[in-house]
Protein backbone atom coordinates (compact mmCIF):
# COMPACT_ATOMS: atom_id res chain seq x y z
CA UNK A 1 -130.63 -116.93 -9.87
CA UNK A 2 -132.44 -115.57 -6.65
CA UNK A 3 -131.70 -112.06 -5.38
CA UNK A 4 -132.72 -111.10 -1.62
CA UNK A 5 -133.37 -107.84 -0.48
CA UNK A 6 -133.79 -106.34 2.83
CA UNK A 7 -136.96 -104.06 3.58
CA UNK A 8 -138.46 -101.63 5.59
CA UNK A 9 -141.85 -99.90 4.26
CA UNK A 10 -141.32 -101.45 0.82
CA UNK A 11 -137.89 -100.23 -0.10
CA UNK A 12 -134.23 -101.33 0.94
CA UNK A 13 -133.22 -100.75 4.59
CA UNK A 14 -130.15 -99.23 5.37
CA UNK A 15 -129.94 -101.98 8.33
CA UNK A 16 -129.47 -105.39 6.96
CA UNK A 17 -129.74 -107.41 9.91
CA UNK A 18 -133.09 -105.95 11.77
CA UNK A 19 -135.25 -105.43 8.52
CA UNK A 20 -139.04 -106.16 8.60
CA UNK A 21 -138.58 -108.62 5.63
CA UNK A 22 -136.98 -109.98 2.76
CA UNK A 23 -138.10 -109.67 -0.99
CA UNK A 24 -136.84 -113.06 -2.91
CA UNK A 25 -136.49 -112.01 -6.41
CA UNK A 26 -136.06 -115.37 -8.99
CA UNK A 27 -134.37 -113.52 -12.36
CA UNK A 28 -133.60 -114.89 -15.60
CA UNK A 29 -129.99 -113.63 -16.20
CA UNK A 30 -130.00 -114.69 -19.90
CA UNK A 31 -132.93 -112.98 -20.51
CA UNK A 32 -132.43 -110.02 -18.15
CA UNK A 33 -135.99 -110.47 -16.69
CA UNK A 34 -137.78 -110.77 -13.13
CA UNK A 35 -139.56 -114.17 -13.09
CA UNK A 36 -141.29 -113.93 -9.62
CA UNK A 37 -141.24 -112.23 -6.21
CA UNK A 38 -141.94 -113.62 -3.00
CA UNK A 39 -141.81 -111.44 0.63
CA UNK A 40 -140.57 -113.28 3.58
CA UNK A 41 -140.49 -112.40 7.33
CA UNK A 42 -137.03 -113.36 8.78
CA UNK A 43 -136.51 -114.92 12.12
CA UNK A 44 -135.79 -112.69 15.16
CA UNK A 45 -132.39 -111.10 14.76
CA UNK A 46 -129.54 -113.55 15.97
CA UNK A 47 -125.64 -113.04 14.48
CA UNK A 48 -125.04 -115.51 12.11
CA UNK A 49 -128.53 -117.02 11.60
CA UNK A 50 -129.43 -115.19 8.31
CA UNK A 51 -126.67 -116.49 6.05
CA UNK A 52 -128.06 -120.25 6.20
CA UNK A 53 -131.43 -119.02 6.55
CA UNK A 54 -131.15 -117.18 2.99
CA UNK A 55 -129.09 -119.81 1.69
CA UNK A 56 -131.63 -122.43 2.42
CA UNK A 57 -134.35 -120.23 0.25
CA UNK A 58 -131.91 -120.48 -2.83
CA UNK A 59 -130.39 -117.10 -2.44
CA UNK A 60 -127.57 -116.35 -4.79
CA UNK A 61 -126.89 -112.27 -4.03
CA UNK A 62 -127.80 -110.00 -1.90
CA UNK A 63 -128.51 -106.32 -2.51
CA UNK A 64 -128.20 -104.10 0.66
CA UNK A 65 -127.68 -100.58 1.86
CA UNK A 66 -125.08 -101.55 4.87
CA UNK A 67 -123.67 -104.91 6.08
CA UNK A 68 -121.05 -105.45 8.58
CA UNK A 69 -117.54 -107.09 7.10
CA UNK A 70 -118.54 -110.30 9.36
CA UNK A 71 -121.93 -110.76 7.83
CA UNK A 72 -120.32 -110.22 4.23
CA UNK A 73 -117.72 -113.25 5.20
CA UNK A 74 -120.53 -115.41 6.60
CA UNK A 75 -122.41 -114.73 3.28
CA UNK A 76 -119.18 -115.68 0.99
CA UNK A 77 -119.11 -118.81 3.16
CA UNK A 78 -122.54 -119.92 1.60
CA UNK A 79 -121.51 -118.64 -1.79
CA UNK A 80 -124.09 -115.74 -1.62
CA UNK A 81 -122.53 -112.79 -3.44
CA UNK A 82 -123.03 -109.35 -1.46
CA UNK A 83 -123.53 -105.85 -3.01
CA UNK A 84 -123.74 -102.83 -0.36
CA UNK A 85 -123.85 -99.24 -0.40
CA UNK A 86 -127.00 -99.61 -2.75
CA UNK A 87 -129.72 -96.59 -2.70
CA UNK A 88 -133.05 -96.84 -0.98
CA UNK A 89 -135.35 -97.82 -3.83
CA UNK A 90 -137.86 -100.81 -4.41
CA UNK A 91 -136.87 -104.18 -5.12
CA UNK A 92 -137.69 -104.22 -8.63
CA UNK A 93 -135.78 -101.12 -9.30
CA UNK A 94 -132.94 -102.38 -7.78
CA UNK A 95 -133.19 -105.81 -9.57
CA UNK A 96 -133.71 -103.98 -12.69
CA UNK A 97 -130.76 -101.66 -12.46
CA UNK A 98 -128.47 -104.93 -11.58
CA UNK A 99 -129.95 -106.56 -14.47
CA UNK A 100 -129.01 -103.67 -16.85
CA UNK A 101 -125.82 -103.03 -15.69
CA UNK A 102 -126.24 -99.82 -13.70
CA UNK A 103 -126.87 -100.74 -10.07
CA UNK A 104 -124.86 -97.58 -8.39
CA UNK A 105 -123.62 -98.86 -5.01
CA UNK A 106 -121.71 -96.25 -2.70
CA UNK A 107 -120.69 -96.09 0.96
CA UNK A 108 -121.59 -99.11 2.96
CA UNK A 109 -124.22 -97.68 5.63
CA UNK A 110 -122.91 -100.17 8.30
CA UNK A 111 -119.63 -99.72 10.27
CA UNK A 112 -119.78 -103.11 12.45
C-alpha cells in the first residue's frame, strides 16, 4: 500500500490542493511497518489534476487535513481512499497512527 500525505514545512498541511510536496509512504499492512518514503513535488495546482497524478504513482490512500467534496469524489473514482481531518503531524507519525488503528480524524478543514 502507498499512502500520500500533503506537506508544508515537513508536516501535514490543511490545504491539500496547494501543498508544497507530498510524502509518498510505502507500507506493509501485514507487518504494520513503513517500508519507504519519497517526497515528490506536485504539478502546479489545477482542479482535477491530482487524483490521476497520484494514482499514476501507485497511491492507494491519502491522509489529509482538509479536502473538498468534489476532490474526494475524484479520488474515489481513482480507487484512492481518503481520510480527512487528520492533525498537522509528521508523515511517519500519521502513518504510524493509521497502522496502529489510532489515527484520530476530526473536522474536515476544507469547505469547498
